[in-house]
Amino acid sequence: MKIEAVANQYHLSAPTLRYYERQGLLGPVQRVNGVRDYGAADLDRLDFIICVKQCGMTIRQIKQFIAMYQQGDATINERLTILQKQLQDSRIQQAQLAQSIDHLQEKIADVKALQTRVAERV
């Protein structure tokens, strides 16, 4: 799959994909006649990168995790610990976001009620 198709599918820019490759997060991506050709393994890796990035992992942390992954089975326990910690942190963020959403919904209801009262006076 060419870089433009991957960028479109994952809602990323081509420069972002190149950056991930330069940072060692992807690849090296196979090239056909000098054109990047992303394979299934590249797309699986990209799925992982996007997932953990959305959960709050930094590029540096992702890079470290991938380096551990490349070391093989000797790092399984460390990788599991990292993923469990990220999940715990993500659940905390999710709970905080849920509270913020609830608060916004209350404020919206308050403003709508005010809007109705003002409209009735007119």
PDB file of N, CA and C in Angstrom:
ATOM      1  N   MET A   1       0.856  -1.164   0.000  1.00  0.00           N
ATOM      2  CA  MET A   1       0.000   0.000   0.000  1.00  0.00           C
ATOM      3  C   MET A   1       0.908   1.235   0.000  1.00  0.00           C
ATOM      4  N   LYS A   2       0.616   2.157  -0.865  1.00  0.00           N
ATOM      5  CA  LYS A   2       1.442   3.365  -0.996  1.00  0.00           C
ATOM      6  C   LYS A   2       1.150   4.346   0.130  1.00  0.00           C
ATOM      7  N   ILE A   3       2.093   5.263   0.342  1.00  0.00           N
ATOM      8  CA  ILE A   3       2.034   6.174   1.479  1.00  0.00           C
ATOM      9  C   ILE A   3       0.759   7.022   1.485  1.00  0.00           C
ATOM     10  N   GLU A   4       0.302   7.461   0.329  1.00  0.00           N
ATOM     11  CA  GLU A   4      -0.905   8.293   0.266  1.00  0.00           C
ATOM     12  C   GLU A   4      -2.124   7.505   0.748  1.00  0.00           C
ATOM     13  N   ALA A   5      -2.211   6.244   0.343  1.00  0.00           N
ATOM     14  CA  ALA A   5      -3.338   5.403   0.748  1.00  0.00           C
ATOM     15  C   ALA A   5      -3.303   5.145   2.255  1.00  0.00           C
ATOM     16  N   VAL A   6      -2.110   4.891   2.782  1.00  0.00           N
ATOM     17  CA  VAL A   6      -1.968   4.665   4.225  1.00  0.00           C
ATOM     18  C   VAL A   6      -2.330   5.941   4.986  1.00  0.00           C
ATOM     19  N   ALA A   7      -1.832   7.063   4.516  1.00  0.00           N
ATOM     20  CA  ALA A   7      -2.127   8.343   5.159  1.00  0.00           C
ATOM     21  C   ALA A   7      -3.630   8.588   5.196  1.00  0.00           C
ATOM     22  N   ASN A   8      -4.304   8.335   4.090  1.00  0.00           N
ATOM     23  CA  ASN A   8      -5.756   8.518   4.035  1.00  0.00           C
ATOM     24  C   ASN A   8      -6.484   7.547   4.952  1.00  0.00           C
ATOM     25  N   GLN A   9      -6.084   6.303   4.923  1.00  0.00           N
ATOM     26  CA  GLN A   9      -6.750   5.279   5.729  1.00  0.00           C
ATOM     27  C   GLN A   9      -6.635   5.577   7.224  1.00  0.00           C
ATOM     28  N   TYR A  10      -5.480   6.083   7.648  1.00  0.00           N
ATOM     29  CA  TYR A  10      -5.228   6.301   9.071  1.00  0.00           C
ATOM     30  C   TYR A  10      -5.392   7.762   9.490  1.00  0.00           C
ATOM     31  N   HIS A  11      -5.820   8.594   8.559  1.00  0.00           N
ATOM     32  CA  HIS A  11      -6.032  10.021   8.836  1.00  0.00           C
ATOM     33  C   HIS A  11      -4.763  10.674   9.380  1.00  0.00           C
ATOM     34  N   LEU A  12      -3.667  10.359   8.735  1.00  0.00           N
ATOM     35  CA  LEU A  12      -2.363  10.929   9.062  1.00  0.00           C
ATOM     36  C   LEU A  12      -1.824  11.599   7.805  1.00  0.00           C
ATOM     37  N   SER A  13      -0.815  12.410   7.984  1.00  0.00           N
ATOM     38  CA  SER A  13      -0.171  12.994   6.807  1.00  0.00           C
ATOM     39  C   SER A  13       1.005  12.109   6.383  1.00  0.00           C
ATOM     40  N   ALA A  14       1.365  12.217   5.125  1.00  0.00           N
ATOM     41  CA  ALA A  14       2.537  11.482   4.631  1.00  0.00           C
ATOM     42  C   ALA A  14       3.796  11.890   5.397  1.00  0.00           C
ATOM     43  N   PRO A  15       3.988  13.203   5.702  1.00  0.00           N
ATOM     44  CA  PRO A  15       5.159  13.565   6.508  1.00  0.00           C
ATOM     45  C   PRO A  15       5.172  12.901   7.891  1.00  0.00           C
ATOM     46  N   THR A  16       4.003  12.688   8.479  1.00  0.00           N
ATOM     47  CA  THR A  16       3.950  11.998   9.775  1.00  0.00           C
ATOM     48  C   THR A  16       4.427  10.565   9.628  1.00  0.00           C
ATOM     49  N   LEU A  17       3.997   9.897   8.587  1.00  0.00           N
ATOM     50  CA  LEU A  17       4.444   8.517   8.352  1.00  0.00           C
ATOM     51  C   LEU A  17       5.948   8.470   8.133  1.00  0.00           C
ATOM     52  N   ARG A  18       6.483   9.423   7.386  1.00  0.00           N
ATOM     53  CA  ARG A  18       7.936   9.478   7.166  1.00  0.00           C
ATOM     54  C   ARG A  18       8.657   9.746   8.486  1.00  0.00           C
ATOM     55  N   TYR A  19       8.080  10.612   9.313  1.00  0.00           N
ATOM     56  CA  TYR A  19       8.661  10.922  10.625  1.00  0.00           C
ATOM     57  C   TYR A  19       8.703   9.659  11.483  1.00  0.00           C
ATOM     58  N   TYR A  20       7.605   8.916  11.518  1.00  0.00           N
ATOM     59  CA  TYR A  20       7.585   7.667  12.286  1.00  0.00           C
ATOM     60  C   TYR A  20       8.672   6.718  11.807  1.00  0.00           C
ATOM     61  N   GLU A  21       8.884   6.677  10.511  1.00  0.00           N
ATOM     62  CA  GLU A  21       9.925   5.806   9.958  1.00  0.00           C
ATOM     63  C   GLU A  21      11.312   6.312  10.376  1.00  0.00           C
ATOM     64  N   ARG A  22      11.532   7.631  10.277  1.00  0.00           N
ATOM     65  CA  ARG A  22      12.832   8.194  10.688  1.00  0.00           C
ATOM     66  C   ARG A  22      13.116   7.952  12.170  1.00  0.00           C
ATOM     67  N   GLN A  23      12.045   7.966  12.971  1.00  0.00           N
ATOM     68  CA  GLN A  23      12.203   7.759  14.410  1.00  0.00           C
ATOM     69  C   GLN A  23      12.384   6.291  14.783  1.00  0.00           C
ATOM     70  N   GLY A  24      12.251   5.403  13.807  1.00  0.00           N
ATOM     71  CA  GLY A  24      12.416   3.981  14.062  1.00  0.00           C
ATOM     72  C   GLY A  24      11.153   3.312  14.573  1.00  0.00           C
ATOM     73  N   LEU A  25      10.024   4.021  14.509  1.00  0.00           N
ATOM     74  CA  LEU A  25       8.771   3.426  14.947  1.00  0.00           C
ATOM     75  C   LEU A  25       8.215   2.478  13.887  1.00  0.00           C
ATOM     76  N   LEU A  26       8.442   2.815  12.657  1.00  0.00           N
ATOM     77  CA  LEU A  26       8.035   1.997  11.508  1.00  0.00           C
ATOM     78  C   LEU A  26       9.265   1.615  10.721  1.00  0.00           C
ATOM     79  N   GLY A  27       9.192   0.470  10.111  1.00  0.00           N
ATOM     80  CA  GLY A  27      10.148   0.156   9.075  1.00  0.00           C
ATOM     81  C   GLY A  27      11.456  -0.455   9.525  1.00  0.00           C
ATOM     82  N   PRO A  28      12.346  -0.428   8.589  1.00  0.00           N
ATOM     83  CA  PRO A  28      12.267   0.320   7.341  1.00  0.00           C
ATOM     84  C   PRO A  28      11.189  -0.259   6.426  1.00  0.00           C
ATOM     85  N   VAL A  29      10.420   0.654   5.867  1.00  0.00           N
ATOM     86  CA  VAL A  29       9.329   0.263   4.983  1.00  0.00           C
ATOM     87  C   VAL A  29       9.923  -0.152   3.639  1.00  0.00           C
ATOM     88  N   GLN A  30       9.446  -1.276   3.139  1.00  0.00           N
ATOM     89  CA  GLN A  30       9.918  -1.777   1.842  1.00  0.00           C
ATOM     90  C   GLN A  30       9.625  -0.742   0.760  1.00  0.00           C
ATOM     91  N   ARG A  31      10.522  -0.653  -0.196  1.00  0.00           N
ATOM     92  CA  ARG A  31      10.331   0.256  -1.315  1.00  0.00           C
ATOM     93  C   ARG A  31      10.330  -0.524  -2.625  1.00  0.00           C
ATOM     94  N   VAL A  32       9.419  -0.116  -3.491  1.00  0.00           N
ATOM     95  CA  VAL A  32       9.356  -0.685  -4.830  1.00  0.00           C
ATOM     96  C   VAL A  32       9.623   0.463  -5.784  1.00  0.00           C
ATOM     97  N   ASN A  33      10.732   0.361  -6.520  1.00  0.00           N
ATOM     98  CA  ASN A  33      11.164   1.448  -7.409  1.00  0.00           C
ATOM     99  C   ASN A  33      11.264   2.774  -6.661  1.00  0.00           C
ATOM    100  N   GLY A  34      11.742   2.715  -5.406  1.00  0.00           N
ATOM    101  CA  GLY A  34      11.936   3.915  -4.606  1.00  0.00           C
ATOM    102  C   GLY A  34      10.689   4.436  -3.919  1.00  0.00           C
ATOM    103  N   VAL A  35       9.556   3.786  -4.125  1.00  0.00           N
ATOM    104  CA  VAL A  35       8.292   4.227  -3.539  1.00  0.00           C
ATOM    105  C   VAL A  35       7.953   3.318  -2.356  1.00  0.00           C
ATOM    106  N   ARG A  36       7.626   3.922  -1.203  1.00  0.00           N
ATOM    107  CA  ARG A  36       7.281   3.133  -0.029  1.00  0.00           C
ATOM    108  C   ARG A  36       6.068   2.246  -0.336  1.00  0.00           C
ATOM    109  N   ASP A  37       6.180   0.985   0.105  1.00  0.00           N
ATOM    110  CA  ASP A  37       5.098   0.025  -0.076  1.00  0.00           C
ATOM    111  C   ASP A  37       4.846  -0.626   1.282  1.00  0.00           C
ATOM    112  N   TYR A  38       3.832  -0.113   1.986  1.00  0.00           N
ATOM    113  CA  TYR A  38       3.523  -0.581   3.329  1.00  0.00           C
ATOM    114  C   TYR A  38       2.851  -1.948   3.261  1.00  0.00           C
ATOM    115  N   GLY A  39       3.389  -2.879   4.030  1.00  0.00           N
ATOM    116  CA  GLY A  39       2.838  -4.224   4.095  1.00  0.00           C
ATOM    117  C   GLY A  39       1.983  -4.404   5.338  1.00  0.00           C
ATOM    118  N   ALA A  40       1.459  -5.607   5.509  1.00  0.00           N
ATOM    119  CA  ALA A  40       0.581  -5.913   6.635  1.00  0.00           C
ATOM    120  C   ALA A  40       1.273  -5.670   7.976  1.00  0.00           C
ATOM    121  N   ALA A  41       2.548  -6.041   8.088  1.00  0.00           N
ATOM    122  CA  ALA A  41       3.275  -5.849   9.350  1.00  0.00           C
ATOM    123  C   ALA A  41       3.428  -4.355   9.659  1.00  0.00           C
ATOM    124  N   ASP A  42       3.664  -3.548   8.625  1.00  0.00           N
ATOM    125  CA  ASP A  42       3.773  -2.101   8.820  1.00  0.00           C
ATOM    126  C   ASP A  42       2.452  -1.518   9.315  1.00  0.00           C
ATOM    127  N   LEU A  43       1.360  -1.993   8.736  1.00  0.00           N
ATOM    128  CA  LEU A  43       0.036  -1.484   9.120  1.00  0.00           C
ATOM    129  C   LEU A  43      -0.330  -1.934  10.531  1.00  0.00           C
ATOM    130  N   ASP A  44       0.054  -3.158  10.895  1.00  0.00           N
ATOM    131  CA  ASP A  44      -0.163  -3.616  12.276  1.00  0.00           C
ATOM    132  C   ASP A  44       0.611  -2.737  13.257  1.00  0.00           C
ATOM    133  N   ARG A  45       1.850  -2.437  12.913  1.00  0.00           N
ATOM    134  CA  ARG A  45       2.667  -1.573  13.767  1.00  0.00           C
ATOM    135  C   ARG A  45       2.054  -0.186  13.860  1.00  0.00           C
ATOM    136  N   LEU A  46       1.559   0.324  12.751  1.00  0.00           N
ATOM    137  CA  LEU A  46       0.933   1.642  12.735  1.00  0.00           C
ATOM    138  C   LEU A  46      -0.333   1.647  13.593  1.00  0.00           C
ATOM    139  N   ASP A  47      -1.117   0.576  13.538  1.00  0.00           N
ATOM    140  CA  ASP A  47      -2.291   0.456  14.412  1.00  0.00           C
ATOM    141  C   ASP A  47      -1.870   0.585  15.881  1.00  0.00           C
ATOM    142  N   PHE A  48      -0.805  -0.117  16.239  1.00  0.00           N
ATOM    143  CA  PHE A  48      -0.308  -0.070  17.616  1.00  0.00           C
ATOM    144  C   PHE A  48       0.137   1.345  17.979  1.00  0.00           C
ATOM    145  N   ILE A  49       0.908   1.968  17.118  1.00  0.00           N
ATOM    146  CA  ILE A  49       1.417   3.320  17.382  1.00  0.00           C
ATOM    147  C   ILE A  49       0.267   4.285  17.614  1.00  0.00           C
ATOM    148  N   ILE A  50      -0.716   4.241  16.750  1.00  0.00           N
ATOM    149  CA  ILE A  50      -1.858   5.152  16.866  1.00  0.00           C
ATOM    150  C   ILE A  50      -2.626   4.877  18.155  1.00  0.00           C
ATOM    151  N   CYS A  51      -2.822   3.620  18.469  1.00  0.00           N
ATOM    152  CA  CYS A  51      -3.548   3.241  19.680  1.00  0.00           C
ATOM    153  C   CYS A  51      -2.873   3.790  20.930  1.00  0.00           C
ATOM    154  N   VAL A  52      -1.598   3.482  21.101  1.00  0.00           N
ATOM    155  CA  VAL A  52      -0.932   3.904  22.338  1.00  0.00           C
ATOM    156  C   VAL A  52      -0.697   5.412  22.362  1.00  0.00           C
ATOM    157  N   LYS A  53      -0.533   6.023  21.201  1.00  0.00           N
ATOM    158  CA  LYS A  53      -0.393   7.472  21.146  1.00  0.00           C
ATOM    159  C   LYS A  53      -1.691   8.136  21.593  1.00  0.00           C
ATOM    160  N   GLN A  54      -2.825   7.626  21.138  1.00  0.00           N
ATOM    161  CA  GLN A  54      -4.115   8.166  21.563  1.00  0.00           C
ATOM    162  C   GLN A  54      -4.350   7.943  23.056  1.00  0.00           C
ATOM    163  N   CYS A  55      -3.723   6.935  23.614  1.00  0.00           N
ATOM    164  CA  CYS A  55      -3.842   6.662  25.049  1.00  0.00           C
ATOM    165  C   CYS A  55      -2.835   7.457  25.873  1.00  0.00           C
ATOM    166  N   GLY A  56      -2.039   8.285  25.206  1.00  0.00           N
ATOM    167  CA  GLY A  56      -1.162   9.183  25.946  1.00  0.00           C
ATOM    168  C   GLY A  56       0.317   8.852  25.934  1.00  0.00           C
ATOM    169  N   MET A  57       0.705   7.783  25.283  1.00  0.00           N
ATOM    170  CA  MET A  57       2.138   7.471  25.211  1.00  0.00           C
ATOM    171  C   MET A  57       2.830   8.488  24.320  1.00  0.00           C
ATOM    172  N   THR A  58       4.005   8.895  24.732  1.00  0.00           N
ATOM    173  CA  THR A  58       4.793   9.822  23.919  1.00  0.00           C
ATOM    174  C   THR A  58       5.554   9.039  22.852  1.00  0.00           C
ATOM    175  N   ILE A  59       6.049   9.763  21.868  1.00  0.00           N
ATOM    176  CA  ILE A  59       6.857   9.124  20.823  1.00  0.00           C
ATOM    177  C   ILE A  59       8.072   8.444  21.468  1.00  0.00           C
ATOM    178  N   ARG A  60       8.683   9.103  22.430  1.00  0.00           N
ATOM    179  CA  ARG A  60       9.842   8.532  23.116  1.00  0.00           C
ATOM    180  C   ARG A  60       9.480   7.221  23.804  1.00  0.00           C
ATOM    181  N   GLN A  61       8.326   7.189  24.484  1.00  0.00           N
ATOM    182  CA  GLN A  61       7.893   5.966  25.167  1.00  0.00           C
ATOM    183  C   GLN A  61       7.573   4.858  24.165  1.00  0.00           C
ATOM    184  N   ILE A  62       6.939   5.221  23.063  1.00  0.00           N
ATOM    185  CA  ILE A  62       6.621   4.226  22.030  1.00  0.00           C
ATOM    186  C   ILE A  62       7.918   3.657  21.467  1.00  0.00           C
ATOM    187  N   LYS A  63       8.868   4.536  21.225  1.00  0.00           N
ATOM    188  CA  LYS A  63      10.171   4.118  20.704  1.00  0.00           C
ATOM    189  C   LYS A  63      10.843   3.119  21.654  1.00  0.00           C
ATOM    190  N   GLN A  64      10.810   3.415  22.945  1.00  0.00           N
ATOM    191  CA  GLN A  64      11.399   2.516  23.938  1.00  0.00           C
ATOM    192  C   GLN A  64      10.677   1.172  23.962  1.00  0.00           C
ATOM    193  N   PHE A  65       9.347   1.223  23.875  1.00  0.00           N
ATOM    194  CA  PHE A  65       8.569  -0.011  23.875  1.00  0.00           C
ATOM    195  C   PHE A  65       8.917  -0.868  22.660  1.00  0.00           C
ATOM    196  N   ILE A  66       8.991  -0.237  21.503  1.00  0.00           N
ATOM    197  CA  ILE A  66       9.316  -0.980  20.277  1.00  0.00           C
ATOM    198  C   ILE A  66      10.726  -1.566  20.359  1.00  0.00           C
ATOM    199  N   ALA A  67      11.647  -0.811  20.930  1.00  0.00           N
ATOM    200  CA  ALA A  67      13.013  -1.323  21.105  1.00  0.00           C
ATOM    201  C   ALA A  67      13.000  -2.565  21.999  1.00  0.00           C
ATOM    202  N   MET A  68      12.192  -2.540  23.046  1.00  0.00           N
ATOM    203  CA  MET A  68      12.064  -3.718  23.918  1.00  0.00           C
ATOM    204  C   MET A  68      11.453  -4.887  23.161  1.00  0.00           C
ATOM    205  N   TYR A  69      10.418  -4.587  22.371  1.00  0.00           N
ATOM    206  CA  TYR A  69       9.754  -5.624  21.576  1.00  0.00           C
ATOM    207  C   TYR A  69      10.756  -6.297  20.648  1.00  0.00           C
ATOM    208  N   GLN A  70      11.621  -5.508  20.057  1.00  0.00           N
ATOM    209  CA  GLN A  70      12.605  -6.042  19.123  1.00  0.00           C
ATOM    210  C   GLN A  70      13.668  -6.883  19.814  1.00  0.00           C
ATOM    211  N   GLN A  71      13.797  -6.733  21.136  1.00  0.00           N
ATOM    212  CA  GLN A  71      14.747  -7.553  21.889  1.00  0.00           C
ATOM    213  C   GLN A  71      14.218  -8.966  22.121  1.00  0.00           C
ATOM    214  N   GLY A  72      12.922  -9.149  21.902  1.00  0.00           N
ATOM    215  CA  GLY A  72      12.362 -10.492  21.992  1.00  0.00           C
ATOM    216  C   GLY A  72      11.725 -10.814  23.325  1.00  0.00           C
ATOM    217  N   ASP A  73      11.582 -12.107  23.551  1.00  0.00           N
ATOM    218  CA  ASP A  73      10.830 -12.609  24.701  1.00  0.00           C
ATOM    219  C   ASP A  73      11.412 -12.223  26.054  1.00  0.00           C
ATOM    220  N   ALA A  74      12.659 -11.871  26.104  1.00  0.00           N
ATOM    221  CA  ALA A  74      13.285 -11.508  27.381  1.00  0.00           C
ATOM    222  C   ALA A  74      12.645 -10.267  27.998  1.00  0.00           C
ATOM    223  N   THR A  75      11.933  -9.488  27.188  1.00  0.00           N
ATOM    224  CA  THR A  75      11.344  -8.239  27.688  1.00  0.00           C
ATOM    225  C   THR A  75       9.826  -8.321  27.880  1.00  0.00           C
ATOM    226  N   ILE A  76       9.284  -9.516  27.821  1.00  0.00           N
ATOM    227  CA  ILE A  76       7.827  -9.671  27.919  1.00  0.00           C
ATOM    228  C   ILE A  76       7.284  -9.051  29.206  1.00  0.00           C
ATOM    229  N   ASN A  77       7.900  -9.345  30.334  1.00  0.00           N
ATOM    230  CA  ASN A  77       7.397  -8.833  31.611  1.00  0.00           C
ATOM    231  C   ASN A  77       7.439  -7.300  31.648  1.00  0.00           C
ATOM    232  N   GLU A  78       8.519  -6.726  31.157  1.00  0.00           N
ATOM    233  CA  GLU A  78       8.630  -5.263  31.134  1.00  0.00           C
ATOM    234  C   GLU A  78       7.571  -4.652  30.222  1.00  0.00           C
ATOM    235  N   ARG A  79       7.371  -5.255  29.071  1.00  0.00           N
ATOM    236  CA  ARG A  79       6.369  -4.738  28.128  1.00  0.00           C
ATOM    237  C   ARG A  79       4.970  -4.842  28.708  1.00  0.00           C
ATOM    238  N   LEU A  80       4.682  -5.955  29.359  1.00  0.00           N
ATOM    239  CA  LEU A  80       3.382  -6.127  29.984  1.00  0.00           C
ATOM    240  C   LEU A  80       3.157  -5.057  31.049  1.00  0.00           C
ATOM    241  N   THR A  81       4.173  -4.790  31.852  1.00  0.00           N
ATOM    242  CA  THR A  81       4.072  -3.756  32.888  1.00  0.00           C
ATOM    243  C   THR A  81       3.788  -2.388  32.275  1.00  0.00           C
ATOM    244  N   ILE A  82       4.487  -2.063  31.207  1.00  0.00           N
ATOM    245  CA  ILE A  82       4.290  -0.773  30.533  1.00  0.00           C
ATOM    246  C   ILE A  82       2.865  -0.657  30.003  1.00  0.00           C
ATOM    247  N   LEU A  83       2.381  -1.701  29.348  1.00  0.00           N
ATOM    248  CA  LEU A  83       1.034  -1.663  28.781  1.00  0.00           C
ATOM    249  C   LEU A  83      -0.030  -1.597  29.880  1.00  0.00           C
ATOM    250  N   GLN A  84       0.181  -2.328  30.968  1.00  0.00           N
ATOM    251  CA  GLN A  84      -0.775  -2.282  32.072  1.00  0.00           C
ATOM    252  C   GLN A  84      -0.811  -0.895  32.712  1.00  0.00           C
ATOM    253  N   LYS A  85       0.345  -0.274  32.851  1.00  0.00           N
ATOM    254  CA  LYS A  85       0.416   1.083  33.413  1.00  0.00           C
ATOM    255  C   LYS A  85      -0.283   2.059  32.480  1.00  0.00           C
ATOM    256  N   GLN A  86      -0.068   1.926  31.186  1.00  0.00           N
ATOM    257  CA  GLN A  86      -0.710   2.820  30.230  1.00  0.00           C
ATOM    258  C   GLN A  86      -2.221   2.638  30.267  1.00  0.00           C
ATOM    259  N   LEU A  87      -2.682   1.404  30.401  1.00  0.00           N
ATOM    260  CA  LEU A  87      -4.111   1.145  30.508  1.00  0.00           C
ATOM    261  C   LEU A  87      -4.681   1.792  31.766  1.00  0.00           C
ATOM    262  N   GLN A  88      -3.983   1.652  32.868  1.00  0.00           N
ATOM    263  CA  GLN A  88      -4.427   2.268  34.125  1.00  0.00           C
ATOM    264  C   GLN A  88      -4.496   3.792  33.975  1.00  0.00           C
ATOM    265  N   ASP A  89      -3.465   4.384  33.405  1.00  0.00           N
ATOM    266  CA  ASP A  89      -3.457   5.840  33.181  1.00  0.00           C
ATOM    267  C   ASP A  89      -4.594   6.260  32.257  1.00  0.00           C
ATOM    268  N   SER A  90      -4.859   5.460  31.236  1.00  0.00           N
ATOM    269  CA  SER A  90      -5.925   5.765  30.279  1.00  0.00           C
ATOM    270  C   SER A  90      -7.292   5.685  30.945  1.00  0.00           C
ATOM    271  N   ARG A  91      -7.458   4.733  31.836  1.00  0.00           N
ATOM    272  CA  ARG A  91      -8.737   4.623  32.550  1.00  0.00           C
ATOM    273  C   ARG A  91      -8.954   5.822  33.474  1.00  0.00           C
ATOM    274  N   ILE A  92      -7.897   6.296  34.083  1.00  0.00           N
ATOM    275  CA  ILE A  92      -7.995   7.500  34.921  1.00  0.00           C
ATOM    276  C   ILE A  92      -8.387   8.693  34.061  1.00  0.00           C
ATOM    277  N   GLN A  93      -7.728   8.828  32.900  1.00  0.00           N
ATOM    278  CA  GLN A  93      -8.066   9.925  31.986  1.00  0.00           C
ATOM    279  C   GLN A  93      -9.506   9.800  31.500  1.00  0.00           C
ATOM    280  N   GLN A  94      -9.939   8.579  31.246  1.00  0.00           N
ATOM    281  CA  GLN A  94     -11.307   8.339  30.791  1.00  0.00           C
ATOM    282  C   GLN A  94     -12.306   8.783  31.859  1.00  0.00           C
ATOM    283  N   ALA A  95     -12.029   8.460  33.110  1.00  0.00           N
ATOM    284  CA  ALA A  95     -12.917   8.852  34.215  1.00  0.00           C
ATOM    285  C   ALA A  95     -12.953  10.373  34.349  1.00  0.00           C
ATOM    286  N   GLN A  96     -11.792  11.016  34.228  1.00  0.00           N
ATOM    287  CA  GLN A  96     -11.743  12.477  34.299  1.00  0.00           C
ATOM    288  C   GLN A  96     -12.516  13.102  33.148  1.00  0.00           C
ATOM    289  N   LEU A  97     -12.374  12.535  31.968  1.00  0.00           N
ATOM    290  CA  LEU A  97     -13.102  13.038  30.811  1.00  0.00           C
ATOM    291  C   LEU A  97     -14.607  12.849  30.993  1.00  0.00           C
ATOM    292  N   ALA A  98     -15.005  11.713  31.542  1.00  0.00           N
ATOM    293  CA  ALA A  98     -16.432  11.462  31.796  1.00  0.00           C
ATOM    294  C   ALA A  98     -16.990  12.500  32.760  1.00  0.00           C
ATOM    295  N   GLN A  99     -16.228  12.862  33.790  1.00  0.00           N
ATOM    296  CA  GLN A  99     -16.667  13.897  34.729  1.00  0.00           C
ATOM    297  C   GLN A  99     -16.804  15.237  34.025  1.00  0.00           C
ATOM    298  N   SER A 100     -15.862  15.550  33.178  1.00  0.00           N
ATOM    299  CA  SER A 100     -15.920  16.808  32.431  1.00  0.00           C
ATOM    300  C   SER A 100     -17.127  16.836  31.498  1.00  0.00           C
ATOM    301  N   ILE A 101     -17.410  15.729  30.857  1.00  0.00           N
ATOM    302  CA  ILE A 101     -18.569  15.642  29.964  1.00  0.00           C
ATOM    303  C   ILE A 101     -19.857  15.836  30.755  1.00  0.00           C
ATOM    304  N   ASP A 102     -19.947  15.182  31.916  1.00  0.00           N
ATOM    305  CA  ASP A 102     -21.126  15.354  32.766  1.00  0.00           C
ATOM    306  C   ASP A 102     -21.298  16.820  33.160  1.00  0.00           C
ATOM    307  N   HIS A 103     -20.220  17.451  33.523  1.00  0.00           N
ATOM    308  CA  HIS A 103     -20.258  18.862  33.920  1.00  0.00           C
ATOM    309  C   HIS A 103     -20.722  19.736  32.745  1.00  0.00           C
ATOM    310  N   LEU A 104     -20.187  19.466  31.563  1.00  0.00           N
ATOM    311  CA  LEU A 104     -20.612  20.217  30.377  1.00  0.00           C
ATOM    312  C   LEU A 104     -22.098  20.026  30.095  1.00  0.00           C
ATOM    313  N   GLN A 105     -22.568  18.796  30.235  1.00  0.00           N
ATOM    314  CA  GLN A 105     -23.988  18.535  30.001  1.00  0.00           C
ATOM    315  C   GLN A 105     -24.853  19.313  30.986  1.00  0.00           C
ATOM    316  N   GLU A 106     -24.416  19.400  32.233  1.00  0.00           N
ATOM    317  CA  GLU A 106     -25.149  20.181  33.231  1.00  0.00           C
ATOM    318  C   GLU A 106     -25.155  21.660  32.849  1.00  0.00           C
ATOM    319  N   LYS A 107     -24.022  22.163  32.428  1.00  0.00           N
ATOM    320  CA  LYS A 107     -23.933  23.573  32.035  1.00  0.00           C
ATOM    321  C   LYS A 107     -24.804  23.862  30.817  1.00  0.00           C
ATOM    322  N   ILE A 108     -24.812  22.939  29.872  1.00  0.00           N
ATOM    323  CA  ILE A 108     -25.658  23.111  28.685  1.00  0.00           C
ATOM    324  C   ILE A 108     -27.126  23.152  29.106  1.00  0.00           C
ATOM    325  N   ALA A 109     -27.518  22.269  29.998  1.00  0.00           N
ATOM    326  CA  ALA A 109     -28.903  22.264  30.486  1.00  0.00           C
ATOM    327  C   ALA A 109     -29.226  23.584  31.183  1.00  0.00           C
ATOM    328  N   ASP A 110     -28.290  24.096  31.993  1.00  0.00           N
ATOM    329  CA  ASP A 110     -28.491  25.384  32.674  1.00  0.00           C
ATOM    330  C   ASP A 110     -28.674  26.519  31.672  1.00  0.00           C
ATOM    331  N   VAL A 111     -27.830  26.540  30.651  1.00  0.00           N
ATOM    332  CA  VAL A 111     -27.895  27.612  29.651  1.00  0.00           C
ATOM    333  C   VAL A 111     -29.179  27.498  28.829  1.00  0.00           C
ATOM    334  N   LYS A 112     -29.583  26.280  28.494  1.00  0.00           N
ATOM    335  CA  LYS A 112     -30.838  26.098  27.761  1.00  0.00           C
ATOM    336  C   LYS A 112     -32.025  26.569  28.597  1.00  0.00           C
ATOM    337  N   ALA A 113     -32.011  26.273  29.895  1.00  0.00           N
ATOM    338  CA  ALA A 113     -33.089  26.717  30.781  1.00  0.00           C
ATOM    339  C   ALA A 113     -33.114  28.243  30.842  1.00  0.00           C
ATOM    340  N   LEU A 114     -31.946  28.846  30.928  1.00  0.00           N
ATOM    341  CA  LEU A 114     -31.855  30.301  30.929  1.00  0.00           C
ATOM    342  C   LEU A 114     -32.369  30.868  29.612  1.00  0.00           C
ATOM    343  N   GLN A 115     -31.997  30.229  28.534  1.00  0.00           N
ATOM    344  CA  GLN A 115     -32.443  30.659  27.208  1.00  0.00           C
ATOM    345  C   GLN A 115     -33.966  30.623  27.120  1.00  0.00           C
ATOM    346  N   THR A 116     -34.566  29.570  27.649  1.00  0.00           N
ATOM    347  CA  THR A 116     -36.029  29.442  27.641  1.00  0.00           C
ATOM    348  C   THR A 116     -36.672  30.542  28.474  1.00  0.00           C
ATOM    349  N   ARG A 117     -36.117  30.811  29.660  1.00  0.00           N
ATOM    350  CA  ARG A 117     -36.659  31.872  30.527  1.00  0.00           C
ATOM    351  C   ARG A 117     -36.576  33.233  29.842  1.00  0.00           C
ATOM    352  N   VAL A 118     -35.461  33.507  29.197  1.00  0.00           N
ATOM    353  CA  VAL A 118     -35.287  34.790  28.503  1.00  0.00           C
ATOM    354  C   VAL A 118     -36.272  34.886  27.341  1.00  0.00           C
ATOM    355  N   ALA A 119     -36.442  33.814  26.609  1.00  0.00           N
ATOM    356  CA  ALA A 119     -37.355  33.815  25.470  1.00  0.00           C
ATOM    357  C   ALA A 119     -38.805  34.030  25.914  1.00  0.00           C
ATOM    358  N   GLU A 120     -39.157  33.499  27.090  1.00  0.00           N
ATOM    359  CA  GLU A 120     -40.518  33.657  27.607  1.00  0.00           C
ATOM    360  C   GLU A 120     -40.793  35.108  28.017  1.00  0.00           C
ATOM    361  N   ARG A 121     -39.765  35.838  28.426  1.00  0.00           N
ATOM    362  CA  ARG A 121     -39.917  37.242  28.821  1.00  0.00           C
ATOM    363  C   ARG A 121     -40.133  38.153  27.620  1.00  0.00           C
ATOM    364  N   VAL A 122     -39.697  37.706  26.480  1.00  0.00           N
ATOM    365  CA  VAL A 122     -39.768  38.553  25.284  1.00  0.00           C
ATOM    366  C   VAL A 122     -41.108  38.533  24.653  1.00  0.00           C
TER     367      VAL A 122
END
